[in-house]
Protein backbone atom coordinates (compact mmCIF):
# COMPACT_ATOMS: atom_id res chain seq x y z
CA UNK A 1 5.98 8.65 3.16
CA UNK A 2 8.82 8.95 5.73
CA UNK A 3 10.62 12.18 6.08
CA UNK A 4 14.19 12.72 5.43
CA UNK A 5 14.83 15.94 7.04
CA UNK A 6 13.93 17.65 10.26
CA UNK A 7 12.62 20.83 8.50
CA UNK A 8 10.42 18.62 6.47
CA UNK A 9 8.66 17.24 9.55
CA UNK A 10 8.71 20.01 11.98
CA UNK A 11 5.35 20.28 13.73
CA UNK A 12 3.84 17.48 11.11
CA UNK A 13 1.84 14.63 12.69
CA UNK A 14 3.54 11.53 12.63
CA UNK A 15 1.99 8.17 11.13
CA UNK A 16 2.57 6.65 14.34
CA UNK A 17 -0.22 8.26 16.34
CA UNK A 18 -3.51 9.59 15.28
CA UNK A 19 -3.64 12.91 13.45
CA UNK A 20 -6.33 14.95 15.14
CA UNK A 21 -5.14 18.46 13.81
CA UNK A 22 -7.89 21.09 15.12
CA UNK A 23 -7.89 22.70 18.39
CA UNK A 24 -4.57 22.94 20.07
CA UNK A 25 -5.66 24.18 23.35
CA UNK A 26 -3.89 23.05 26.35
CA UNK A 27 -6.70 20.95 27.62
CA UNK A 28 -6.01 18.67 24.60
CA UNK A 29 -3.12 16.74 26.49
CA UNK A 30 -5.52 15.60 29.31
CA UNK A 31 -6.03 12.07 27.73
CA UNK A 32 -2.06 11.62 27.64
CA UNK A 33 -1.93 13.25 31.03
CA UNK A 34 -3.83 10.44 32.75
CA UNK A 35 -0.80 8.33 31.56
CA UNK A 36 1.53 10.05 33.92
CA UNK A 37 3.69 11.91 31.36
CA UNK A 38 5.87 15.12 32.34
CA UNK A 39 4.58 18.47 31.39
CA UNK A 40 7.12 18.84 28.69
CA UNK A 41 5.85 15.94 26.73
CA UNK A 42 2.18 16.74 27.22
CA UNK A 43 2.97 20.19 25.69
CA UNK A 44 4.89 18.70 22.76
CA UNK A 45 1.83 16.40 22.19
CA UNK A 46 -0.54 19.10 22.27
CA UNK A 47 1.59 21.13 19.84
CA UNK A 48 1.57 18.13 17.45
CA UNK A 49 -1.94 18.06 17.56
CA UNK A 50 -2.32 14.64 19.22
CA UNK A 51 -5.49 14.23 21.51
CA UNK A 52 -6.28 10.53 22.45
CA UNK A 53 -3.50 8.00 23.03
CA UNK A 54 -3.94 4.81 20.76
CA UNK A 55 -4.82 1.50 22.20
CA UNK A 56 -1.20 0.15 22.26
CA UNK A 57 -0.15 3.80 24.15
CA UNK A 58 -2.81 3.26 26.78
CA UNK A 59 -1.68 -0.35 27.48
CA UNK A 60 2.13 0.00 27.12
CA UNK A 61 3.07 3.62 28.56
CA UNK A 62 2.11 2.83 32.01
CA UNK A 63 3.98 -0.40 32.32
CA UNK A 64 6.78 1.15 30.76
CA UNK A 65 6.96 4.06 33.09
CA UNK A 66 6.89 1.74 35.77
CA UNK A 67 10.05 0.11 34.70
CA UNK A 68 8.65 -3.21 33.50
CA UNK A 69 9.89 -5.09 30.57
CA UNK A 70 7.40 -5.33 27.91
CA UNK A 71 6.78 -7.96 25.14
CA UNK A 72 4.29 -6.13 22.65
CA UNK A 73 2.64 -7.51 19.53
CA UNK A 74 1.51 -4.78 17.34
CA UNK A 75 1.29 -3.98 13.55
CA UNK A 76 2.75 -0.83 12.02
CA UNK A 77 0.43 2.08 12.22
CA UNK A 78 -0.84 1.24 15.62
CA UNK A 79 1.26 4.09 17.44
CA UNK A 80 3.92 1.58 18.92
CA UNK A 81 6.81 4.41 18.33
CA UNK A 82 5.11 6.94 20.70
CA UNK A 83 4.44 3.94 23.01
CA UNK A 84 8.11 3.37 23.74
CA UNK A 85 9.72 6.90 22.94
CA UNK A 86 7.63 8.90 25.58
CA UNK A 87 8.73 6.71 28.48
CA UNK A 88 12.19 6.71 27.05
CA UNK A 89 11.94 10.57 26.98
CA UNK A 90 10.40 10.63 30.58
CA UNK A 91 13.67 9.35 31.94
CA UNK A 92 15.71 12.28 30.74
CA UNK A 93 17.36 14.20 33.56
CA UNK A 94 17.21 17.97 33.85
CA UNK A 95 20.13 20.31 34.35
CA UNK A 96 19.55 23.56 36.50
CA UNK A 97 19.30 25.67 33.48
CA UNK A 98 16.31 23.90 32.27
CA UNK A 99 18.06 21.77 29.36
CA UNK A 100 18.57 18.16 29.44
CA UNK A 101 21.41 17.14 31.67
CA UNK A 102 24.73 16.94 29.96
CA UNK A 103 26.12 13.46 29.60
CA UNK A 104 27.93 11.96 26.40
CA UNK A 105 26.56 8.22 27.11
CA UNK A 106 23.23 7.47 25.67
CA UNK A 107 20.51 6.25 28.03
CA UNK A 108 18.43 4.52 25.34
CA UNK A 109 19.14 2.27 22.40
CA UNK A 110 16.68 1.51 19.99
CA UNK A 111 17.35 -1.20 17.38
CA UNK A 112 15.25 -1.08 13.85
CA UNK A 113 15.58 -3.43 10.60
CA UNK A 114 16.34 -0.64 8.18
CA UNK A 115 17.76 2.70 7.46
CA UNK A 116 14.46 4.30 6.47
CA UNK A 117 12.85 3.11 9.95
CA UNK A 118 16.00 4.36 11.80
CA UNK A 119 15.36 7.98 10.27
CA UNK A 120 11.63 7.62 10.84
CA UNK A 121 11.78 6.76 14.51
CA UNK A 122 14.63 9.08 15.34
CA UNK A 123 12.66 12.34 13.96
CA UNK A 124 9.72 11.17 15.89
CA UNK A 125 11.57 10.98 19.19
CA UNK A 126 13.09 14.13 18.30
CA UNK A 127 9.62 16.03 17.82
CA UNK A 128 8.34 14.34 21.14
CA UNK A 129 11.51 15.64 23.14
CA UNK A 130 12.19 19.06 21.50
CA UNK A 131 10.95 20.55 24.75
CA UNK A 132 13.41 18.50 26.76
CA UNK A 133 16.41 19.27 24.47
CA UNK A 134 16.42 15.58 23.63
CA UNK A 135 19.63 14.56 21.60
CA UNK A 136 18.56 11.67 19.27
CA UNK A 137 20.99 10.23 16.58
CA UNK A 138 20.09 7.67 13.78
CA UNK A 139 22.86 5.33 13.05
CA UNK A 140 22.75 3.16 9.79
CA UNK A 141 24.93 1.82 7.04
CA UNK A 142 24.89 3.41 3.45
CA UNK A 143 26.16 6.81 4.83
CA UNK A 144 29.56 8.17 5.92
CA UNK A 145 30.47 7.05 9.48
CA UNK A 146 32.38 10.21 10.26
CA UNK A 147 29.32 12.30 11.05
CA UNK A 148 28.04 9.59 13.40
CA UNK A 149 31.45 9.33 15.22
CA UNK A 150 31.42 13.06 15.77
CA UNK A 151 27.89 13.13 17.00
CA UNK A 152 28.75 10.19 19.43
CA UNK A 153 31.73 11.90 20.74
CA UNK A 154 29.60 15.24 21.51
CA UNK A 155 27.12 12.99 23.35
CA UNK A 156 23.44 11.79 22.58
CA UNK A 157 20.47 10.68 24.64
CA UNK A 158 18.97 8.06 22.46
CA UNK A 159 20.57 6.16 19.57
CA UNK A 160 18.11 4.49 16.98
CA UNK A 161 20.31 2.04 15.16
CA UNK A 162 20.25 -0.85 12.70
CA UNK A 163 21.93 -3.93 14.05
CA UNK A 164 24.66 -4.06 11.56
CA UNK A 165 25.87 -0.54 12.23
CA UNK A 166 25.47 -0.47 15.89
CA UNK A 167 28.02 -3.64 15.73
CA UNK A 168 30.32 -1.50 13.66
CA UNK A 169 30.38 1.12 16.21
CA UNK A 170 30.98 -1.35 19.19
CA UNK A 171 33.85 -2.71 17.57
CA UNK A 172 35.22 0.78 17.07
CA UNK A 173 34.42 1.62 20.71
CA UNK A 174 32.31 4.66 19.54
CA UNK A 175 29.29 3.60 20.95
CA UNK A 176 29.34 3.43 24.92
CA UNK A 177 26.49 1.28 26.22
CA UNK A 178 27.29 1.23 29.91
CA UNK A 179 24.72 3.91 30.87
CA UNK A 180 21.88 2.41 28.72
CA UNK A 181 18.75 2.14 30.92
CA UNK A 182 16.47 1.12 28.08
CA UNK A 183 16.83 -1.32 24.97
CA UNK A 184 14.10 -1.30 22.48
CA UNK A 185 13.85 -4.01 19.84
CA UNK A 186 11.32 -2.65 17.14
CA UNK A 187 9.81 -4.80 14.51
CA UNK A 188 12.19 -7.55 15.78
CA UNK A 189 10.43 -10.21 13.66
CA UNK A 190 11.60 -8.03 10.49
CA UNK A 191 15.06 -8.03 12.15
CA UNK A 192 15.32 -11.91 12.59
CA UNK A 193 14.21 -12.28 8.84
CA UNK A 194 16.81 -10.02 7.80
CA UNK A 195 19.39 -12.21 9.47
CA UNK A 196 20.14 -9.84 12.29
CA UNK A 197 19.68 -12.63 15.12
CA UNK A 198 23.52 -12.80 15.73
CA UNK A 199 24.10 -9.02 15.96
CA UNK A 200 20.91 -8.52 18.29
CA UNK A 201 22.32 -11.28 20.89
CA UNK A 202 25.91 -9.57 20.67
CA UNK A 203 24.42 -6.17 21.43
CA UNK A 204 22.03 -7.30 24.20
CA UNK A 205 25.02 -9.22 25.66
CA UNK A 206 26.87 -5.77 26.19
CA UNK A 207 24.23 -3.59 27.61
CA UNK A 208 23.89 -3.45 31.61
CA UNK A 209 21.92 -6.66 32.93
CA UNK A 210 19.54 -4.16 35.07
CA UNK A 211 18.14 -2.21 31.86
CA UNK A 212 14.58 -2.21 30.66
CA UNK A 213 13.89 -4.31 27.62
CA UNK A 214 11.16 -3.50 25.27
CA UNK A 215 10.43 -5.78 22.37
CA UNK A 216 7.66 -5.07 19.59
CA UNK A 217 6.84 -7.27 16.85
CA UNK A 218 3.87 -7.57 14.31
CA UNK A 219 3.96 -11.24 14.65
CA UNK A 220 5.01 -13.75 17.27
CA UNK A 221 7.40 -16.79 15.86
CA UNK A 222 9.02 -19.04 17.96
CA UNK A 223 12.23 -17.28 17.64
CA UNK A 224 10.65 -14.12 19.22
CA UNK A 225 9.71 -16.10 22.12
CA UNK A 226 13.11 -17.37 22.45
CA UNK A 227 14.81 -13.83 22.66
CA UNK A 228 12.16 -12.89 25.03
CA UNK A 229 13.02 -15.65 27.40
CA UNK A 230 16.70 -15.03 27.39
CA UNK A 231 16.55 -11.17 27.52
CA UNK A 232 13.36 -9.94 29.10
CA UNK A 233 12.52 -10.32 32.94
CA UNK A 234 8.95 -11.08 33.81
CA UNK A 235 7.60 -9.08 30.77
CA UNK A 236 4.29 -7.61 30.63
CA UNK A 237 2.62 -8.71 27.44
CA UNK A 238 0.44 -6.45 25.46
CA UNK A 239 -1.29 -7.60 22.09
CA UNK A 240 -3.15 -5.01 19.80
CA UNK A 241 -4.85 -7.00 16.99
CA UNK A 242 -6.04 -5.21 13.75
CA UNK A 243 -9.63 -4.60 14.70
CA UNK A 244 -12.18 -6.78 12.80
CA UNK A 245 -15.14 -4.76 11.40
CA UNK A 246 -18.46 -5.14 13.06
CA UNK A 247 -21.35 -6.83 11.25
CA UNK A 248 -22.50 -4.27 8.44
CA UNK A 249 -19.20 -2.25 8.94
CA UNK A 250 -16.80 -1.76 6.14
CA UNK A 251 -13.19 -2.83 7.31
CA UNK A 252 -10.60 -0.34 7.20
CA UNK A 253 -8.46 -2.32 5.02
CA UNK A 254 -10.52 -4.02 2.32
CA UNK A 255 -8.82 -7.21 1.16
CA UNK A 256 -9.46 -8.79 -2.15
CA UNK A 257 -7.60 -11.43 -4.40
CA UNK A 258 -7.76 -11.95 -8.38
CA UNK A 259 -7.12 -15.38 -9.56
CA UNK A 260 -5.28 -15.29 -13.03
CA UNK A 261 -2.87 -17.29 -15.23
CA UNK A 262 0.59 -16.29 -14.71
CA UNK A 263 0.90 -14.84 -18.16
CA UNK A 264 -1.92 -12.37 -17.42
CA UNK A 265 -0.89 -11.07 -14.11
CA UNK A 266 0.64 -7.70 -15.33
CA UNK A 267 -2.44 -7.06 -17.49
CA UNK A 268 -4.66 -8.06 -14.66
CA UNK A 269 -2.98 -5.65 -12.21
CA UNK A 270 -3.10 -2.86 -14.76
CA UNK A 271 -6.99 -3.32 -15.09
CA UNK A 272 -7.35 -3.48 -11.33
CA UNK A 273 -5.28 -0.41 -10.59
CA UNK A 274 -7.20 1.48 -13.60
CA UNK A 275 -10.47 0.75 -11.65
CA UNK A 276 -9.20 1.45 -8.28
CA UNK A 277 -7.21 4.78 -8.99
CA UNK A 278 -5.22 4.43 -6.09
CA UNK A 279 -3.83 7.73 -4.52
CA UNK A 280 -0.56 5.93 -3.79
CA UNK A 281 0.34 2.21 -4.07
CA UNK A 282 3.24 -0.03 -2.97
CA UNK A 283 3.47 -3.32 -5.05
CA UNK A 284 5.57 -6.16 -3.84
CA UNK A 285 7.38 -8.73 -5.84
CA UNK A 286 9.29 -11.62 -5.23
CA UNK A 287 12.54 -11.09 -7.17
CA UNK A 288 14.61 -7.89 -8.44
CA UNK A 289 13.88 -9.19 -12.09
CA UNK A 290 10.10 -9.02 -11.49
CA UNK A 291 10.40 -5.75 -9.80
CA UNK A 292 12.17 -4.06 -12.99
CA UNK A 293 9.64 -5.94 -15.28
CA UNK A 294 6.67 -4.93 -13.68
CA UNK A 295 7.81 -1.27 -13.04
CA UNK A 296 8.50 -0.94 -16.71
CA UNK A 297 5.04 -2.56 -17.66
CA UNK A 298 3.18 -0.03 -15.29
CA UNK A 299 5.08 2.82 -16.73
CA UNK A 300 4.17 1.57 -20.28
CA UNK A 301 0.33 1.80 -19.07
CA UNK A 302 0.75 5.57 -18.14
CA UNK A 303 1.55 5.08 -14.46
CA UNK A 304 4.40 6.94 -12.70
CA UNK A 305 6.23 3.85 -11.17
CA UNK A 306 9.44 3.45 -9.39
CA UNK A 307 11.55 0.38 -8.81
CA UNK A 308 13.23 -0.51 -5.53
CA UNK A 309 15.12 -3.55 -4.68
CA UNK A 310 18.52 -4.68 -3.27
CA UNK A 311 20.37 -4.44 -6.25
CA UNK A 312 20.22 -0.63 -6.11
CA UNK A 313 22.73 1.78 -4.59
CA UNK A 314 21.97 3.75 -1.59
CA UNK A 315 22.00 6.86 -3.82
CA UNK A 316 19.63 5.18 -6.31
CA UNK A 317 17.31 4.45 -3.38
CA UNK A 318 17.46 8.07 -2.09
CA UNK A 319 16.62 9.42 -5.64
CA UNK A 320 13.55 7.05 -5.85
CA UNK A 321 12.26 8.22 -2.26
CA UNK A 322 12.92 11.75 -3.11
CA UNK A 323 10.69 11.32 -6.11
CA UNK A 324 8.15 9.70 -3.96
CA UNK A 325 8.34 12.43 -1.49
CA UNK A 326 7.92 15.32 -4.17
CA UNK A 327 4.87 13.58 -5.77
CA UNK A 328 6.27 12.77 -9.05
CA UNK A 329 5.81 9.14 -8.54
CA UNK A 330 2.57 7.33 -7.54
CA UNK A 331 3.52 3.71 -7.55
CA UNK A 332 6.40 1.87 -5.69
CA UNK A 333 7.23 -1.59 -6.95
CA UNK A 334 9.52 -3.31 -4.38
CA UNK A 335 10.83 -6.41 -2.89
CA UNK A 336 10.23 -7.14 0.83
CA UNK A 337 13.55 -6.63 1.92
CA UNK A 338 13.93 -3.19 0.02
CA UNK A 339 10.62 -1.91 1.46
CA UNK A 340 11.16 -2.60 5.01
CA UNK A 341 10.84 0.24 7.28
CA UNK A 342 9.28 2.42 4.32
CA UNK A 343 6.70 4.77 5.60
CA UNK A 344 4.80 6.12 2.56
CA UNK A 345 2.37 9.08 3.62
CA UNK A 346 -1.22 8.70 2.21
CA UNK A 347 -0.62 5.09 0.96
CA UNK A 348 -4.19 4.12 -0.09
CA UNK A 349 -3.26 0.42 -1.73
CA UNK A 350 -0.98 -2.41 -1.03
CA UNK A 351 -0.58 -4.85 -3.75
CA UNK A 352 0.95 -8.51 -3.44
CA UNK A 353 1.91 -9.26 -6.91
CA UNK A 354 2.77 -12.74 -5.80
CA UNK A 355 0.88 -14.38 -2.76
CA UNK A 356 3.21 -14.42 0.23
CA UNK A 357 4.03 -17.83 1.44
CA UNK A 358 4.05 -16.98 5.13
CA UNK A 359 1.17 -15.28 6.54
CA UNK A 360 3.04 -12.90 8.81
CA UNK A 361 4.60 -11.39 5.71
CA UNK A 362 1.13 -10.78 4.45
CA UNK A 363 0.20 -9.05 7.75
CA UNK A 364 3.57 -7.04 7.59
CA UNK A 365 2.67 -5.59 3.97
CA UNK A 366 -1.06 -4.89 4.36
CA UNK A 367 -0.32 -3.10 7.71
CA UNK A 368 1.04 -0.19 5.93
CA UNK A 369 -2.19 0.88 4.57
CA UNK A 370 -5.53 1.82 6.47
CA UNK A 371 -3.86 4.08 9.07
CA UNK A 372 -5.10 6.74 11.32
CA UNK A 373 -8.71 5.88 10.53
CA UNK A 374 -8.43 6.24 6.69
CA UNK A 375 -9.77 3.24 4.54
CA UNK A 376 -7.07 1.08 2.83
CA UNK A 377 -7.18 -1.62 0.27
CA UNK A 378 -4.89 -4.89 -0.10
CA UNK A 379 -5.06 -6.56 -3.34
CA UNK A 380 -3.28 -9.96 -4.16
CA UNK A 381 -2.58 -11.12 -7.39
CA UNK A 382 -2.76 -15.11 -7.44
CA UNK A 383 -2.23 -17.89 -9.64
CA UNK A 384 -4.46 -20.84 -9.31
CA UNK A 385 -1.76 -22.98 -7.51
CA UNK A 386 -1.81 -20.19 -4.98
CA UNK A 387 -5.15 -20.68 -3.72
CA UNK A 388 -4.07 -22.79 -0.71
CA UNK A 389 -1.77 -19.98 0.49
CA UNK A 390 -4.67 -17.66 0.48
CA UNK A 391 -6.63 -20.07 2.40
CA UNK A 392 -3.65 -20.44 4.87
CA UNK A 393 -3.75 -16.44 5.15
CA UNK A 394 -7.19 -16.12 5.86
CA UNK A 395 -6.95 -18.96 8.74
CA UNK A 396 -3.87 -17.09 10.18
CA UNK A 397 -5.66 -13.66 10.29
CA UNK A 398 -9.32 -14.70 10.62
CA UNK A 399 -10.18 -12.49 8.01
CA UNK A 400 -11.91 -13.36 4.72
CA UNK A 401 -10.19 -12.35 1.40
CA UNK A 402 -12.82 -11.85 -1.15
CA UNK A 403 -11.99 -13.39 -4.60
CA UNK A 404 -12.92 -11.01 -7.24
CA UNK A 405 -13.38 -11.16 -11.17
CA UNK A 406 -10.83 -9.04 -13.22
CA UNK A 407 -12.24 -6.23 -14.69
CA UNK A 408 -13.73 -6.85 -18.34
CA UNK A 409 -12.76 -4.85 -21.17
CA UNK A 410 -16.24 -3.11 -21.25
CA UNK A 411 -16.04 -2.24 -17.53
CA UNK A 412 -12.47 -0.85 -18.05
CA UNK A 413 -14.04 1.15 -21.11
CA UNK A 414 -16.80 2.50 -18.96
CA UNK A 415 -14.21 3.43 -16.09
CA UNK A 416 -11.88 5.23 -18.59
CA UNK A 417 -15.04 7.02 -20.10
CA UNK A 418 -16.12 8.17 -16.74
CA UNK A 419 -12.60 9.25 -16.00
CA UNK A 420 -12.54 11.35 -19.21
CA UNK A 421 -15.94 12.68 -18.60
CA UNK A 422 -14.89 13.96 -15.19
CA UNK A 423 -11.84 15.60 -16.53
CA UNK A 424 -13.68 17.23 -19.13
CA UNK A 425 -16.17 18.52 -16.68
CA UNK A 426 -13.56 19.76 -14.50
CA UNK A 427 -11.71 21.56 -17.35
CA UNK A 428 -15.24 23.26 -18.22
CA UNK A 429 -15.90 24.48 -14.88
CA UNK A 430 -12.37 25.39 -13.83
CA UNK A 431 -10.10 26.37 -16.75
CA UNK A 432 -10.07 29.45 -19.02
CA UNK A 433 -11.22 27.85 -22.20
CA UNK A 434 -11.44 31.27 -24.28
CA UNK A 435 -8.33 30.82 -26.25
CA UNK A 436 -9.73 27.53 -27.93
CA UNK A 437 -13.05 29.29 -28.73
CA UNK A 438 -11.81 30.36 -32.26
CA UNK A 439 -10.48 26.86 -33.06
CA UNK A 440 -13.81 25.07 -32.19
CA UNK A 441 -15.62 27.82 -34.31
CA UNK A 442 -13.22 26.99 -37.36
CA UNK A 443 -14.11 23.19 -36.70
CA UNK A 444 -17.92 23.91 -36.50
CA UNK A 445 -17.91 25.75 -39.82
CA UNK A 446 -16.75 22.65 -41.52
CA UNK A 447 -18.40 19.76 -39.31
CA UNK A 448 -21.20 18.97 -37.06
CA UNK A 449 -20.60 20.27 -33.46
CA UNK A 450 -21.43 16.94 -32.12
CA UNK A 451 -18.57 15.27 -34.18
CA UNK A 452 -16.22 17.83 -33.34
CA UNK A 453 -17.12 16.87 -29.57
CA UNK A 454 -16.83 13.06 -30.44
CA UNK A 455 -13.38 13.86 -31.65
CA UNK A 456 -12.29 15.58 -28.76
CA UNK A 457 -13.41 12.87 -26.57
CA UNK A 458 -11.66 10.09 -28.69
CA UNK A 459 -8.48 12.29 -28.37
CA UNK A 460 -9.02 12.53 -24.55
CA UNK A 461 -9.50 8.99 -24.35
CA UNK A 462 -6.69 7.92 -26.41
CA UNK A 463 -4.42 10.16 -24.16
CA UNK A 464 -5.49 8.15 -21.27
CA UNK A 465 -4.53 4.75 -22.77
CA UNK A 466 -8.02 3.85 -23.49
CA UNK A 467 -7.03 1.18 -26.25
CA UNK A 468 -4.58 -0.70 -24.10
CA UNK A 469 -6.91 -3.52 -23.45
CA UNK A 470 -8.73 -5.32 -26.30
CA UNK A 471 -8.71 -8.94 -24.96
CA UNK A 472 -10.46 -10.38 -22.02
CA UNK A 473 -8.47 -12.04 -19.29
CA UNK A 474 -9.58 -15.79 -18.45
CA UNK A 475 -11.83 -15.80 -15.44
CA UNK A 476 -10.33 -18.30 -12.85
CA UNK A 477 -11.95 -16.80 -9.85
CA UNK A 478 -14.37 -19.89 -9.40
CA UNK A 479 -11.87 -22.29 -10.85
CA UNK A 480 -11.50 -25.49 -8.38
CA UNK A 481 -7.87 -26.11 -6.96
CA UNK A 482 -7.77 -29.15 -8.73
CA UNK A 483 -6.47 -27.36 -11.78
CA UNK A 484 -3.17 -26.11 -10.66
CA UNK A 485 -2.07 -24.79 -14.25
CA UNK A 486 -4.96 -22.56 -14.53
CA UNK A 487 -4.62 -21.97 -18.38
CA UNK A 488 -8.20 -21.79 -19.26
CA UNK A 489 -7.69 -24.95 -21.36
CA UNK A 490 -10.65 -27.65 -21.63
CA UNK A 491 -10.48 -31.35 -22.10
CA UNK A 492 -9.61 -31.08 -25.78
CA UNK A 493 -6.61 -28.89 -24.98
CA UNK A 494 -7.86 -25.89 -26.48
CA UNK A 495 -8.72 -22.56 -25.01
CA UNK A 496 -11.91 -23.27 -23.23
CA UNK A 497 -12.96 -19.86 -22.36
CA UNK A 498 -16.30 -19.84 -24.37
CA UNK A 499 -17.39 -23.24 -23.05
CA UNK A 500 -17.58 -21.93 -19.70
CA UNK A 501 -20.71 -19.77 -20.41
CA UNK A 502 -21.69 -16.54 -19.02
CA UNK A 503 -21.53 -15.43 -15.44
CA UNK A 504 -24.79 -15.72 -13.12
CA UNK A 505 -27.76 -13.71 -14.10
CA UNK A 506 -25.95 -12.94 -17.77
CA UNK A 507 -26.44 -14.15 -21.20
CA UNK A 508 -24.48 -13.78 -24.18
CA UNK A 509 -25.26 -12.18 -27.39
CA UNK A 510 -24.05 -12.92 -30.86
CA UNK A 511 -23.03 -10.00 -32.87
CA UNK A 512 -22.50 -10.70 -36.51
CA UNK A 513 -19.36 -8.65 -37.01
CA UNK A 514 -15.76 -9.47 -35.74
CA UNK A 515 -12.22 -8.31 -36.27
CA UNK A 516 -12.12 -8.53 -39.90
CA UNK A 517 -14.57 -5.53 -39.98
CA UNK A 518 -12.73 -3.67 -37.39
CA UNK A 519 -14.93 -4.29 -34.34
CA UNK A 520 -13.41 -3.27 -31.03
CA UNK A 521 -14.83 -3.71 -27.65
CA UNK A 522 -15.17 -0.03 -27.14
CA UNK A 523 -17.53 -0.04 -30.47
CA UNK A 524 -19.69 -2.80 -28.97
CA UNK A 525 -19.94 -1.13 -25.31
CA UNK A 526 -20.80 2.39 -27.08
CA UNK A 527 -23.60 1.00 -29.45
CA UNK A 528 -25.17 -0.98 -26.74
CA UNK A 529 -24.96 1.65 -24.12
CA UNK A 530 -25.75 4.44 -26.61
CA UNK A 531 -29.12 2.53 -27.95
CA UNK A 532 -30.22 0.73 -24.72
CA UNK A 533 -30.92 1.35 -21.01
CA UNK A 534 -27.72 -0.20 -20.09
CA UNK A 535 -24.63 1.52 -19.01
CA UNK A 536 -21.02 0.43 -19.65
CA UNK A 537 -20.87 -1.04 -16.23
CA UNK A 538 -23.64 -3.33 -16.96
CA UNK A 539 -22.04 -5.10 -19.53
CA UNK A 540 -19.74 -8.18 -18.96
CA UNK A 541 -17.12 -10.10 -20.73
CA UNK A 542 -16.64 -9.40 -24.29
CA UNK A 543 -14.96 -11.82 -26.91
CA UNK A 544 -14.02 -10.97 -30.42
CA UNK A 545 -13.25 -13.37 -33.26
CA UNK A 546 -12.60 -12.63 -36.70
CA UNK A 547 -16.04 -13.22 -37.84
CA UNK A 548 -18.34 -12.30 -34.82
CA UNK A 549 -18.32 -11.16 -31.37
CA UNK A 550 -19.94 -12.44 -28.08
CA UNK A 551 -21.25 -10.03 -25.45
CA UNK A 552 -22.24 -10.64 -22.04
CA UNK A 553 -25.42 -8.73 -20.68
CA UNK A 554 -27.80 -9.05 -18.00
CA UNK A 555 -30.40 -11.70 -18.89
CA UNK A 556 -33.14 -9.44 -18.06
CA UNK A 557 -32.25 -6.63 -20.59
CA UNK A 558 -30.98 -9.16 -23.57
CA UNK A 559 -34.26 -8.94 -25.41
CA UNK A 560 -34.42 -4.81 -25.16
CA UNK A 561 -30.70 -4.90 -26.30
CA UNK A 562 -31.52 -6.96 -29.24
CA UNK A 563 -34.45 -4.80 -30.06
CA UNK A 564 -32.67 -1.59 -29.64
CA UNK A 565 -29.76 -2.68 -31.91
CA UNK A 566 -32.00 -4.13 -34.57
CA UNK A 567 -32.25 -0.66 -36.35
CA UNK A 568 -28.85 0.94 -35.55
CA UNK A 569 -25.65 0.49 -36.82
CA UNK A 570 -22.44 -0.54 -35.37
CA UNK A 571 -18.96 0.77 -36.97
CA UNK A 572 -21.41 2.33 -39.76
CA UNK A 573 -22.84 -0.83 -40.71
CA UNK A 574 -26.01 -2.74 -39.99
CA UNK A 575 -25.25 -6.03 -37.97
CA UNK A 576 -27.17 -9.15 -36.89
CA UNK A 577 -27.69 -9.33 -33.07
CA UNK A 578 -29.09 -12.20 -31.45
CA UNK A 579 -28.83 -14.56 -28.45
CA UNK A 580 -26.03 -17.11 -28.65
CA UNK A 581 -26.68 -20.43 -30.04
CA UNK A 582 -24.35 -23.17 -28.60
CA UNK A 583 -22.53 -24.99 -31.43
CA UNK A 584 -21.94 -23.75 -34.75
CA UNK A 585 -22.92 -19.94 -35.20
């Protein structure tokens, strides 16, 4: 989550460089000292707890200190803000009193695509340059221009601006560029995608010809190459790729996709999130309508989801970000444009609710998680017709995206049971339960203690939304590309889910009770897990019709399950259980 006030971030490590909080001895700065940084910057880095430069910092800082132009390809979260901010701050002159030399004109201009990124970058530069008395101003739309005009009139050293607002100030004559020594284009591909190409050309045409120009971009489409040829002089090229995992090593960003029919996408995402239990997740949608509908669906499922898109006012956006910072929301559903520049702290999951048509967009999205050594998760919900887009992304990124099966009703029930057990165990160990002892005593006088515990368990499960999913989602994970509709229909035009047969190493059991007798998936899971050696996680897909049910179990355990259920009851009645016979039941 990006900070919105200086007080909130004072002394807090930025996402842009590794958080190695711990010892703060002055010797910690020696790795950065090898880059040739001035003492005030080394002291600031040590105070912030930074020990080792990231690869992009090790590669870029020496070239920038030497005055070279630089063309850098690096994803979000690689430490590129410090890579250009530290050399910019190195240029600040000192007055005899020890403060930065007073000049009203900025020596550096940093262009970024969004308001949120402008705030984030400006605050990072301010933290690094605090010992130098650096004056840093974020300039962006959506706020009164009067405060910016006043700050520019007083004088600043570094301006971090969105291109549109920078043009506004140039037209007013309030942004002097004649003393600019360094221009930085941060997330240049994003700026071009947002339509700022003409503004960038205008701005670069008004800065001194002898300035140093730095361009950072996560991707390098041809348009970026055109800007580099026109405006960079013999640039040093630095490319920092996301590191591939070594054989046997878990990658920092685990990438997976779930192929489902369009009508089942929201339900599939809900199940995946239930199983993953993300600490914080960012869900990308294509349209504003889709954002609003999905946020409403996830809220109905019990998540604290917030919508963010271009149809919202700045005040509404600020309220959403405030709830994220306060921890009162854990899911953000957003369009690409609205989410640009957002930096969400502790973001564990990124979700593509639609497959991005351009691999570059996919790279931008998933680059927001798996930072600072933490594992991240990238999930894509795809329709069958989007399989080729997934393959394009795999070729472009040279990374495999694992196609997974949507969690079954049984797996979901087992997961929810695990969460309920964990919550109850935590309550027993940590909370004062004495006030409830009298209530339990009254109930156990009337009912068996086990029944009382079962009733409490049911209430706890229901409170977690445990009855929300009772129908299986068609498994299209192995469906060929040739069926673009992916609606699970066979040659007859009818739903052919049963005709596909059980998964590998699984067999299907026939249970002679169905919807008409009140049978639910959790009843079947409970009976099998309670009477056999299987756990809920071992049980596969469940299909319930009016007269009977079909349950997938491991082939090796099928006979044991049948024997175990032979003398037991399901929903209070004896029920026939046997292997499925193909054809009439």
